[in-house]
Amino acid sequence: HSLDSLGITGFRIAPYDDRDDYRLVREGENSDTPVFSSLSEGEKTLIAFLYFLETCTGRKSRDDNDQRKRLIVIDDPISSLSQDYVFEIASLIQHQVIRARIGEKVIILTHSLFFFQELLLSAERKKRAAGSCPPEWTLYRVSKSLHSSVASITFVSTICMPNLSQLSLIFLSLFSYISKDN
């Protein structure tokens, strides 16, 4: 189902009949034909991400129902994917992780401001202004340099402006930082 929602129709994930395992199957081919070696890097990344989402539920088998608290860390899930998948991946995270509340805490790391914006825009908007951060979220900017730093983001509404380019955001952040010191 998730592959279809991502627009991938050339193959599907199917369970084995005799074991608690899955395989990739291309339509019209023998189900024993190995498919993974013919996939693009992006397709492999998508499958790995979908597998990760499934394992986040804590289930070791189809019948298992693990109720332990979870810390879920998603590290740059759109890396090596085309821009076409940014919205879909953000939506999957929103619906299958955040809204489904499968984790006690969820940490999402990204280098992409576009993906960050999509996560914010796809969040539930219960009584909050467009472009604002959900009140239960805490956002941080991690800067790596000679002296790395972590800063809470409080300037979210500007970050979420849909027409703001990454370069504009850098200048806006720099201006905000300089303004604080003066």
C-alpha atoms as a PDB file:
ATOM      1  CA  HIS A   1       0.000   0.000   0.000  1.00  0.00           C
ATOM      2  CA  SER A   2       2.789   2.479   0.866  1.00  0.00           C
ATOM      3  CA  LEU A   3       4.594   1.816  -2.406  1.00  0.00           C
ATOM      4  CA  ASP A   4       1.409   2.627  -4.343  1.00  0.00           C
ATOM      5  CA  SER A   5       0.951   5.859  -2.394  1.00  0.00           C
ATOM      6  CA  LEU A   6       4.509   6.832  -3.376  1.00  0.00           C
ATOM      7  CA  GLY A   7       3.752   6.169  -7.045  1.00  0.00           C
ATOM      8  CA  ILE A   8       5.880   3.031  -7.269  1.00  0.00           C
ATOM      9  CA  THR A   9       4.029   0.429  -9.287  1.00  0.00           C
ATOM     10  CA  GLY A  10       6.841  -1.580 -10.914  1.00  0.00           C
ATOM     11  CA  PHE A  11       7.098  -3.953  -7.966  1.00  0.00           C
ATOM     12  CA  ARG A  12       5.379  -4.720  -4.676  1.00  0.00           C
ATOM     13  CA  ILE A  13       6.213  -6.086  -1.255  1.00  0.00           C
ATOM     14  CA  ALA A  14       4.595  -9.467  -0.683  1.00  0.00           C
ATOM     15  CA  PRO A  15       4.660 -11.838   2.302  1.00  0.00           C
ATOM     16  CA  TYR A  16       6.047 -15.317   1.926  1.00  0.00           C
ATOM     17  CA  ASP A  17       3.354 -17.929   2.399  1.00  0.00           C
ATOM     18  CA  ASP A  18       5.420 -20.299   4.509  1.00  0.00           C
ATOM     19  CA  ARG A  19       7.435 -17.893   6.707  1.00  0.00           C
ATOM     20  CA  ASP A  20       7.079 -14.622   8.563  1.00  0.00           C
ATOM     21  CA  ASP A  21       9.109 -12.663   6.034  1.00  0.00           C
ATOM     22  CA  TYR A  22       8.631 -10.452   2.969  1.00  0.00           C
ATOM     23  CA  ARG A  23      10.023 -10.241  -0.535  1.00  0.00           C
ATOM     24  CA  LEU A  24       9.928  -7.879  -3.512  1.00  0.00           C
ATOM     25  CA  VAL A  25       7.907  -9.083  -6.493  1.00  0.00           C
ATOM     26  CA  ARG A  26       7.680  -7.584  -9.980  1.00  0.00           C
ATOM     27  CA  GLU A  27       4.391  -8.068 -11.784  1.00  0.00           C
ATOM     28  CA  GLY A  28       4.644 -10.648 -14.559  1.00  0.00           C
ATOM     29  CA  GLU A  29       7.864 -12.209 -13.251  1.00  0.00           C
ATOM     30  CA  ASN A  30       8.486 -15.407 -11.363  1.00  0.00           C
ATOM     31  CA  SER A  31       8.162 -14.625  -7.648  1.00  0.00           C
ATOM     32  CA  ASP A  32      11.548 -16.279  -7.037  1.00  0.00           C
ATOM     33  CA  THR A  33      13.366 -13.840  -9.369  1.00  0.00           C
ATOM     34  CA  PRO A  34      15.595 -11.515  -7.276  1.00  0.00           C
ATOM     35  CA  VAL A  35      14.363  -7.951  -7.700  1.00  0.00           C
ATOM     36  CA  PHE A  36      16.550  -5.973  -5.303  1.00  0.00           C
ATOM     37  CA  SER A  37      19.647  -5.925  -7.548  1.00  0.00           C
ATOM     38  CA  SER A  38      17.691  -4.210 -10.340  1.00  0.00           C
ATOM     39  CA  LEU A  39      16.409  -1.325  -8.183  1.00  0.00           C
ATOM     40  CA  SER A  40      17.676   2.240  -8.379  1.00  0.00           C
ATOM     41  CA  GLU A  41      19.381   3.830  -5.362  1.00  0.00           C
ATOM     42  CA  GLY A  42      16.243   5.880  -4.683  1.00  0.00           C
ATOM     43  CA  GLU A  43      13.994   2.799  -4.808  1.00  0.00           C
ATOM     44  CA  LYS A  44      16.301   1.008  -2.351  1.00  0.00           C
ATOM     45  CA  THR A  45      16.196   4.050  -0.043  1.00  0.00           C
ATOM     46  CA  LEU A  46      12.384   4.116  -0.170  1.00  0.00           C
ATOM     47  CA  ILE A  47      12.122   0.415   0.624  1.00  0.00           C
ATOM     48  CA  ALA A  48      14.601   0.752   3.486  1.00  0.00           C
ATOM     49  CA  PHE A  49      12.597   3.697   4.856  1.00  0.00           C
ATOM     50  CA  LEU A  50       9.303   1.792   4.607  1.00  0.00           C
ATOM     51  CA  TYR A  51      10.941  -1.155   6.370  1.00  0.00           C
ATOM     52  CA  PHE A  52      12.210   1.215   9.072  1.00  0.00           C
ATOM     53  CA  LEU A  53       8.679   2.611   9.563  1.00  0.00           C
ATOM     54  CA  GLU A  54       7.350  -0.910   9.965  1.00  0.00           C
ATOM     55  CA  THR A  55      10.024  -1.807  12.519  1.00  0.00           C
ATOM     56  CA  CYS A  56       9.195   1.366  14.482  1.00  0.00           C
ATOM     57  CA  THR A  57       5.990  -0.334  15.566  1.00  0.00           C
ATOM     58  CA  GLY A  58       8.182  -2.751  17.517  1.00  0.00           C
ATOM     59  CA  ARG A  59       6.681  -5.837  15.970  1.00  0.00           C
ATOM     60  CA  LYS A  60       8.937  -8.808  15.365  1.00  0.00           C
ATOM     61  CA  SER A  61       6.212 -10.676  13.476  1.00  0.00           C
ATOM     62  CA  ARG A  62       2.848  -9.917  11.876  1.00  0.00           C
ATOM     63  CA  ASP A  63       1.035 -11.096  15.014  1.00  0.00           C
ATOM     64  CA  ASP A  64       3.255  -9.360  17.591  1.00  0.00           C
ATOM     65  CA  ASN A  65       1.995  -6.308  19.511  1.00  0.00           C
ATOM     66  CA  ASP A  66       4.888  -4.721  21.454  1.00  0.00           C
ATOM     67  CA  GLN A  67       3.717  -1.888  23.735  1.00  0.00           C
ATOM     68  CA  ARG A  68       7.087  -0.623  25.033  1.00  0.00           C
ATOM     69  CA  LYS A  69       7.864   3.105  24.863  1.00  0.00           C
ATOM     70  CA  ARG A  70      10.029   4.032  21.894  1.00  0.00           C
ATOM     71  CA  LEU A  71      12.480   6.747  20.948  1.00  0.00           C
ATOM     72  CA  ILE A  72      12.398   7.050  17.159  1.00  0.00           C
ATOM     73  CA  VAL A  73      15.237   8.826  15.350  1.00  0.00           C
ATOM     74  CA  ILE A  74      14.783   9.508  11.636  1.00  0.00           C
ATOM     75  CA  ASP A  75      18.000  10.756  10.065  1.00  0.00           C
ATOM     76  CA  ASP A  76      17.514  12.645   6.780  1.00  0.00           C
ATOM     77  CA  PRO A  77      14.940  10.292   5.232  1.00  0.00           C
ATOM     78  CA  ILE A  78      14.972  12.070   1.868  1.00  0.00           C
ATOM     79  CA  SER A  79      18.706  11.662   1.297  1.00  0.00           C
ATOM     80  CA  SER A  80      19.366  10.316  -2.234  1.00  0.00           C
ATOM     81  CA  LEU A  81      15.688  10.718  -3.203  1.00  0.00           C
ATOM     82  CA  SER A  82      14.365  13.001  -5.903  1.00  0.00           C
ATOM     83  CA  GLN A  83      12.375  16.071  -4.829  1.00  0.00           C
ATOM     84  CA  ASP A  84       9.227  14.255  -6.007  1.00  0.00           C
ATOM     85  CA  TYR A  85       9.194  12.212  -2.791  1.00  0.00           C
ATOM     86  CA  VAL A  86       9.643  15.012  -0.231  1.00  0.00           C
ATOM     87  CA  PHE A  87       5.920  15.565   0.344  1.00  0.00           C
ATOM     88  CA  GLU A  88       5.146  11.837   0.437  1.00  0.00           C
ATOM     89  CA  ILE A  89       7.881  11.051   2.968  1.00  0.00           C
ATOM     90  CA  ALA A  90       6.792  13.975   5.170  1.00  0.00           C
ATOM     91  CA  SER A  91       3.197  12.709   4.984  1.00  0.00           C
ATOM     92  CA  LEU A  92       4.221   9.152   5.864  1.00  0.00           C
ATOM     93  CA  ILE A  93       6.122  10.406   8.907  1.00  0.00           C
ATOM     94  CA  GLN A  94       3.166  12.555   9.962  1.00  0.00           C
ATOM     95  CA  HIS A  95       0.571   9.802   9.621  1.00  0.00           C
ATOM     96  CA  GLN A  96       2.476   6.636  10.537  1.00  0.00           C
ATOM     97  CA  VAL A  97       4.795   8.010  13.234  1.00  0.00           C
ATOM     98  CA  ILE A  98       3.692  11.338  14.692  1.00  0.00           C
ATOM     99  CA  ARG A  99      -0.116  11.131  14.504  1.00  0.00           C
ATOM    100  CA  ALA A 100      -0.113   7.393  15.181  1.00  0.00           C
ATOM    101  CA  ARG A 101       1.960   8.180  18.305  1.00  0.00           C
ATOM    102  CA  ILE A 102       4.093   5.062  17.952  1.00  0.00           C
ATOM    103  CA  GLY A 103       7.016   6.748  19.693  1.00  0.00           C
ATOM    104  CA  GLU A 104       7.326   8.380  23.087  1.00  0.00           C
ATOM    105  CA  LYS A 105       9.716  10.844  21.430  1.00  0.00           C
ATOM    106  CA  VAL A 106      10.452  11.364  17.747  1.00  0.00           C
ATOM    107  CA  ILE A 107      13.621  13.071  16.544  1.00  0.00           C
ATOM    108  CA  ILE A 108      13.836  13.999  12.870  1.00  0.00           C
ATOM    109  CA  LEU A 109      17.140  15.242  11.451  1.00  0.00           C
ATOM    110  CA  THR A 110      17.361  16.883   8.047  1.00  0.00           C
ATOM    111  CA  HIS A 111      19.564  19.107   5.923  1.00  0.00           C
ATOM    112  CA  SER A 112      16.656  20.070   3.687  1.00  0.00           C
ATOM    113  CA  LEU A 113      14.691  23.197   4.548  1.00  0.00           C
ATOM    114  CA  PHE A 114      12.109  22.146   1.963  1.00  0.00           C
ATOM    115  CA  PHE A 115      11.541  18.836   3.787  1.00  0.00           C
ATOM    116  CA  PHE A 116      11.466  20.674   7.133  1.00  0.00           C
ATOM    117  CA  GLN A 117       8.805  22.993   5.730  1.00  0.00           C
ATOM    118  CA  GLU A 118       6.754  20.055   4.424  1.00  0.00           C
ATOM    119  CA  LEU A 119       6.844  18.415   7.863  1.00  0.00           C
ATOM    120  CA  LEU A 120       5.523  21.592   9.457  1.00  0.00           C
ATOM    121  CA  LEU A 121       2.881  22.201   6.797  1.00  0.00           C
ATOM    122  CA  SER A 122       1.615  18.619   6.983  1.00  0.00           C
ATOM    123  CA  ALA A 123       1.291  18.714  10.787  1.00  0.00           C
ATOM    124  CA  GLU A 124      -2.185  18.848  12.257  1.00  0.00           C
ATOM    125  CA  ARG A 125      -3.371  22.445  12.528  1.00  0.00           C
ATOM    126  CA  LYS A 126      -5.567  22.444  15.610  1.00  0.00           C
ATOM    127  CA  LYS A 127      -6.113  26.087  16.541  1.00  0.00           C
ATOM    128  CA  ARG A 128      -2.753  27.370  15.387  1.00  0.00           C
ATOM    129  CA  ALA A 129      -1.754  29.861  12.758  1.00  0.00           C
ATOM    130  CA  ALA A 130      -0.637  28.675   9.349  1.00  0.00           C
ATOM    131  CA  GLY A 131       3.119  28.189   9.302  1.00  0.00           C
ATOM    132  CA  SER A 132       3.435  28.011  13.061  1.00  0.00           C
ATOM    133  CA  CYS A 133       4.932  25.095  14.924  1.00  0.00           C
ATOM    134  CA  PRO A 134       2.642  22.610  16.699  1.00  0.00           C
ATOM    135  CA  PRO A 135       2.811  23.452  20.434  1.00  0.00           C
ATOM    136  CA  GLU A 136       3.947  19.954  21.412  1.00  0.00           C
ATOM    137  CA  TRP A 137       6.955  20.142  19.069  1.00  0.00           C
ATOM    138  CA  THR A 138      10.358  21.482  20.072  1.00  0.00           C
ATOM    139  CA  LEU A 139      12.571  22.540  17.189  1.00  0.00           C
ATOM    140  CA  TYR A 140      16.338  22.946  17.257  1.00  0.00           C
ATOM    141  CA  ARG A 141      18.952  24.113  14.795  1.00  0.00           C
ATOM    142  CA  VAL A 142      22.222  22.239  15.104  1.00  0.00           C
ATOM    143  CA  SER A 143      25.240  24.094  13.724  1.00  0.00           C
ATOM    144  CA  LYS A 144      28.430  22.184  13.148  1.00  0.00           C
ATOM    145  CA  SER A 145      31.661  24.122  13.019  1.00  0.00           C
ATOM    146  CA  LEU A 146      34.794  24.527  15.101  1.00  0.00           C
ATOM    147  CA  HIS A 147      32.479  25.198  18.052  1.00  0.00           C
ATOM    148  CA  SER A 148      29.231  23.327  17.393  1.00  0.00           C
ATOM    149  CA  SER A 149      26.005  24.614  18.886  1.00  0.00           C
ATOM    150  CA  VAL A 150      22.371  23.716  19.392  1.00  0.00           C
ATOM    151  CA  ALA A 151      19.802  26.501  19.480  1.00  0.00           C
ATOM    152  CA  SER A 152      16.064  26.414  19.963  1.00  0.00           C
ATOM    153  CA  ILE A 153      14.198  27.718  16.922  1.00  0.00           C
ATOM    154  CA  THR A 154      11.676  30.390  17.798  1.00  0.00           C
ATOM    155  CA  PHE A 155      11.477  32.077  14.399  1.00  0.00           C
ATOM    156  CA  VAL A 156       9.395  29.288  12.819  1.00  0.00           C
ATOM    157  CA  SER A 157       6.732  31.302  11.027  1.00  0.00           C
ATOM    158  CA  THR A 158       9.380  32.907   8.817  1.00  0.00           C
ATOM    159  CA  ILE A 159      11.033  29.556   8.102  1.00  0.00           C
ATOM    160  CA  CYS A 160       7.705  28.183   6.905  1.00  0.00           C
ATOM    161  CA  MET A 161       7.006  30.851   4.305  1.00  0.00           C
ATOM    162  CA  PRO A 162       6.510  28.806   1.128  1.00  0.00           C
ATOM    163  CA  ASN A 163       8.293  31.239  -1.205  1.00  0.00           C
ATOM    164  CA  LEU A 164      11.407  31.611   0.907  1.00  0.00           C
ATOM    165  CA  SER A 165      14.464  30.098  -0.769  1.00  0.00           C
ATOM    166  CA  GLN A 166      17.197  28.381   1.225  1.00  0.00           C
ATOM    167  CA  LEU A 167      19.604  31.216   0.407  1.00  0.00           C
ATOM    168  CA  SER A 168      17.043  33.799   1.609  1.00  0.00           C
ATOM    169  CA  LEU A 169      16.605  31.808   4.798  1.00  0.00           C
ATOM    170  CA  ILE A 170      20.352  31.826   5.413  1.00  0.00           C
ATOM    171  CA  PHE A 171      20.428  35.627   5.066  1.00  0.00           C
ATOM    172  CA  LEU A 172      17.320  35.955   7.246  1.00  0.00           C
ATOM    173  CA  SER A 173      18.858  33.740   9.933  1.00  0.00           C
ATOM    174  CA  LEU A 174      22.129  35.660   9.741  1.00  0.00           C
ATOM    175  CA  PHE A 175      20.258  38.984  10.008  1.00  0.00           C
ATOM    176  CA  SER A 176      18.285  37.650  12.995  1.00  0.00           C
ATOM    177  CA  TYR A 177      21.505  36.482  14.668  1.00  0.00           C
ATOM    178  CA  ILE A 178      23.292  39.812  14.087  1.00  0.00           C
ATOM    179  CA  SER A 179      20.229  41.761  15.273  1.00  0.00           C
ATOM    180  CA  LYS A 180      20.210  39.844  18.568  1.00  0.00           C
ATOM    181  CA  ASP A 181      23.775  40.956  19.300  1.00  0.00           C
ATOM    182  CA  ASN A 182      23.138  44.663  18.568  1.00  0.00           C
END
